[in-house]
PDB file of N, CA and C in Angstrom:
ATOM      1  N   MET A   1      94.957  55.201  79.938  1.00  0.00           N
ATOM      2  CA  MET A   1      95.466  55.868  80.778  1.00  0.00           C
ATOM      3  C   MET A   1      95.747  56.838  80.479  1.00  0.00           C
ATOM      4  N   GLY A   2      95.316  57.565  80.864  1.00  0.00           N
ATOM      5  CA  GLY A   2      95.698  59.833  80.605  1.00  0.00           C
ATOM      6  C   GLY A   2      96.138  59.836  79.242  1.00  0.00           C
ATOM      7  N   GLY A   3      97.315  59.631  78.219  1.00  0.00           N
ATOM      8  CA  GLY A   3      97.425  59.589  77.312  1.00  0.00           C
ATOM      9  C   GLY A   3      97.835  60.910  76.915  1.00  0.00           C
ATOM     10  N   PRO A   4      97.355  62.058  75.630  1.00  0.00           N
ATOM     11  CA  PRO A   4      97.628  63.283  75.348  1.00  0.00           C
ATOM     12  C   PRO A   4      96.305  64.152  76.400  1.00  0.00           C
ATOM     13  N   TYR A   5      95.842  63.793  76.126  1.00  0.00           N
ATOM     14  CA  TYR A   5      95.162  64.584  76.401  1.00  0.00           C
ATOM     15  C   TYR A   5      94.576  64.654  78.390  1.00  0.00           C
ATOM     16  N   GLY A   6      95.037  63.888  78.881  1.00  0.00           N
ATOM     17  CA  GLY A   6      95.272  63.900  79.961  1.00  0.00           C
ATOM     18  C   GLY A   6      95.395  64.896  80.565  1.00  0.00           C
ATOM     19  N   ALA A   7      96.076  65.658  80.787  1.00  0.00           N
ATOM     20  CA  ALA A   7      96.982  66.918  80.834  1.00  0.00           C
ATOM     21  C   ALA A   7      95.558  68.317  80.600  1.00  0.00           C
ATOM     22  N   ALA A   8      95.647  68.115  79.225  1.00  0.00           N
ATOM     23  CA  ALA A   8      94.501  69.080  78.647  1.00  0.00           C
ATOM     24  C   ALA A   8      93.035  69.336  79.379  1.00  0.00           C
ATOM     25  N   ARG A   9      92.362  68.325  80.330  1.00  0.00           N
ATOM     26  CA  ARG A   9      91.015  67.892  80.355  1.00  0.00           C
ATOM     27  C   ARG A   9      91.546  68.967  82.220  1.00  0.00           C
ATOM     28  N   PRO A  10      90.555  70.115  82.772  1.00  0.00           N
ATOM     29  CA  PRO A  10      90.712  70.468  83.480  1.00  0.00           C
ATOM     30  C   PRO A  10      90.851  69.456  85.049  1.00  0.00           C
ATOM     31  N   ASP A  11      89.576  68.873  84.547  1.00  0.00           N
ATOM     32  CA  ASP A  11      89.582  68.040  86.098  1.00  0.00           C
ATOM     33  C   ASP A  11      90.331  66.770  85.839  1.00  0.00           C
ATOM     34  N   GLY A  12      90.968  66.782  85.342  1.00  0.00           N
ATOM     35  CA  GLY A  12      92.113  65.334  84.788  1.00  0.00           C
ATOM     36  C   GLY A  12      93.056  65.256  85.758  1.00  0.00           C
ATOM     37  N   PRO A  13      93.362  63.938  86.382  1.00  0.00           N
ATOM     38  CA  PRO A  13      94.965  64.007  87.323  1.00  0.00           C
ATOM     39  C   PRO A  13      95.475  64.994  86.500  1.00  0.00           C
ATOM     40  N   GLY A  14      95.706  65.110  85.349  1.00  0.00           N
ATOM     41  CA  GLY A  14      97.062  65.258  85.290  1.00  0.00           C
ATOM     42  C   GLY A  14      97.473  66.323  85.036  1.00  0.00           C
ATOM     43  N   ARG A  15      96.183  67.320  85.149  1.00  0.00           N
ATOM     44  CA  ARG A  15      96.082  68.456  85.984  1.00  0.00           C
ATOM     45  C   ARG A  15      97.267  69.559  86.051  1.00  0.00           C
ATOM     46  N   ARG A  16      97.752  68.552  87.314  1.00  0.00           N
ATOM     47  CA  ARG A  16      99.173  68.984  89.047  1.00  0.00           C
ATOM     48  C   ARG A  16     100.223  68.751  88.123  1.00  0.00           C
ATOM     49  N   GLY A  17     100.264  67.659  87.298  1.00  0.00           N
ATOM     50  CA  GLY A  17     101.836  67.022  86.699  1.00  0.00           C
ATOM     51  C   GLY A  17     101.832  68.135  85.260  1.00  0.00           C
ATOM     52  N   ALA A  18     100.987  68.343  84.960  1.00  0.00           N
ATOM     53  CA  ALA A  18     101.208  69.251  83.829  1.00  0.00           C
ATOM     54  C   ALA A  18     101.344  70.616  84.073  1.00  0.00           C
ATOM     55  N   TRP A  19     101.275  71.334  85.092  1.00  0.00           N
ATOM     56  CA  TRP A  19     101.512  72.347  86.213  1.00  0.00           C
ATOM     57  C   TRP A  19     102.661  72.584  86.425  1.00  0.00           C
ATOM     58  N   GLY A  20     102.693  71.047  87.678  1.00  0.00           N
ATOM     59  CA  GLY A  20     104.838  71.732  87.198  1.00  0.00           C
ATOM     60  C   GLY A  20     105.207  71.442  86.826  1.00  0.00           C
ATOM     61  N   LEU A  21     105.324  70.623  85.630  1.00  0.00           N
ATOM     62  CA  LEU A  21     105.897  70.503  84.424  1.00  0.00           C
ATOM     63  C   LEU A  21     106.290  72.353  84.189  1.00  0.00           C
ATOM     64  N   VAL A  22     104.961  73.101  83.720  1.00  0.00           N
ATOM     65  CA  VAL A  22     105.199  74.697  83.686  1.00  0.00           C
ATOM     66  C   VAL A  22     105.936  75.348  84.392  1.00  0.00           C
ATOM     67  N   ALA A  23     105.704  75.158  85.537  1.00  0.00           N
ATOM     68  CA  ALA A  23     106.872  75.746  86.981  1.00  0.00           C
ATOM     69  C   ALA A  23     108.161  75.568  86.535  1.00  0.00           C
ATOM     70  N   VAL A  24     108.350  74.267  86.770  1.00  0.00           N
ATOM     71  CA  VAL A  24     109.892  73.731  86.317  1.00  0.00           C
ATOM     72  C   VAL A  24     110.812  74.391  84.959  1.00  0.00           C
ATOM     73  N   VAL A  25     109.760  74.578  84.326  1.00  0.00           N
ATOM     74  CA  VAL A  25     110.495  75.138  82.828  1.00  0.00           C
ATOM     75  C   VAL A  25     110.750  76.332  82.452  1.00  0.00           C
ATOM     76  N   LEU A  26     109.848  77.501  83.739  1.00  0.00           N
ATOM     77  CA  LEU A  26     109.732  78.575  83.681  1.00  0.00           C
ATOM     78  C   LEU A  26     110.607  78.935  84.360  1.00  0.00           C
ATOM     79  N   LEU A  27     111.059  77.564  86.358  1.00  0.00           N
ATOM     80  CA  LEU A  27     111.697  79.153  86.999  1.00  0.00           C
ATOM     81  C   LEU A  27     113.713  78.335  86.123  1.00  0.00           C
ATOM     82  N   LEU A  28     113.226  77.209  84.799  1.00  0.00           N
ATOM     83  CA  LEU A  28     115.229  77.129  84.652  1.00  0.00           C
ATOM     84  C   LEU A  28     115.100  77.814  84.110  1.00  0.00           C
ATOM     85  N   GLY A  29     114.206  78.569  83.089  1.00  0.00           N
ATOM     86  CA  GLY A  29     113.934  79.387  81.574  1.00  0.00           C
ATOM     87  C   GLY A  29     115.195  81.080  82.901  1.00  0.00           C
ATOM     88  N   VAL A  30     114.172  80.951  84.032  1.00  0.00           N
ATOM     89  CA  VAL A  30     114.753  82.391  84.681  1.00  0.00           C
ATOM     90  C   VAL A  30     116.049  81.951  84.488  1.00  0.00           C
ATOM     91  N   HIS A  31     116.197  80.363  85.346  1.00  0.00           N
ATOM     92  CA  HIS A  31     118.106  80.670  85.976  1.00  0.00           C
ATOM     93  C   HIS A  31     118.555  80.931  84.796  1.00  0.00           C
ATOM     94  N   LEU A  32     118.573  80.071  84.185  1.00  0.00           N
ATOM     95  CA  LEU A  32     119.109  80.367  82.838  1.00  0.00           C
ATOM     96  C   LEU A  32     119.454  81.794  81.586  1.00  0.00           C
ATOM     97  N   VAL A  33     118.425  82.573  82.143  1.00  0.00           N
ATOM     98  CA  VAL A  33     118.449  83.609  81.452  1.00  0.00           C
ATOM     99  C   VAL A  33     119.042  84.521  81.751  1.00  0.00           C
ATOM    100  N   ARG A  34     119.025  84.892  83.932  1.00  0.00           N
ATOM    101  CA  ARG A  34     119.533  84.729  84.490  1.00  0.00           C
ATOM    102  C   ARG A  34     120.555  84.920  84.338  1.00  0.00           C
ATOM    103  N   GLY A  35     121.494  84.207  85.289  1.00  0.00           N
ATOM    104  CA  GLY A  35     122.659  83.272  84.642  1.00  0.00           C
ATOM    105  C   GLY A  35     123.578  83.762  83.607  1.00  0.00           C
ATOM    106  N   GLY A  36     123.458  83.741  81.988  1.00  0.00           N
ATOM    107  CA  GLY A  36     123.291  84.200  81.155  1.00  0.00           C
ATOM    108  C   GLY A  36     123.889  85.784  81.426  1.00  0.00           C
ATOM    109  N   THR A  37     123.077  86.519  81.367  1.00  0.00           N
ATOM    110  CA  THR A  37     123.221  88.584  81.975  1.00  0.00           C
ATOM    111  C   THR A  37     124.243  88.418  83.095  1.00  0.00           C
ATOM    112  N   ASP A  38     124.366  87.727  83.939  1.00  0.00           N
ATOM    113  CA  ASP A  38     125.561  87.580  84.855  1.00  0.00           C
ATOM    114  C   ASP A  38     126.938  88.100  84.571  1.00  0.00           C
ATOM    115  N   GLU A  39     126.426  86.527  83.460  1.00  0.00           N
ATOM    116  CA  GLU A  39     127.733  86.468  82.500  1.00  0.00           C
ATOM    117  C   GLU A  39     128.108  87.465  81.851  1.00  0.00           C
ATOM    118  N   LEU A  40     127.380  87.925  81.123  1.00  0.00           N
ATOM    119  CA  LEU A  40     127.506  88.836  80.212  1.00  0.00           C
ATOM    120  C   LEU A  40     128.303  89.956  81.279  1.00  0.00           C
ATOM    121  N   ARG A  41     127.576  90.475  81.879  1.00  0.00           N
ATOM    122  CA  ARG A  41     127.744  92.023  82.842  1.00  0.00           C
ATOM    123  C   ARG A  41     129.139  91.546  83.212  1.00  0.00           C
ATOM    124  N   ALA A  42     129.432  90.573  83.698  1.00  0.00           N
ATOM    125  CA  ALA A  42     130.491  90.433  84.673  1.00  0.00           C
ATOM    126  C   ALA A  42     132.507  90.613  84.103  1.00  0.00           C
TER     127      ALA A  42
END
């Protein structure tokens, strides 16, 4: 079920999960970068 190629298939059931993971990572990255720059500025 699924496997490493589940998220790579456009019509696969893992597409939403993969995009959700990407969104979370991007949001965390932006938050960390903003926090770091704010700390450097302060």
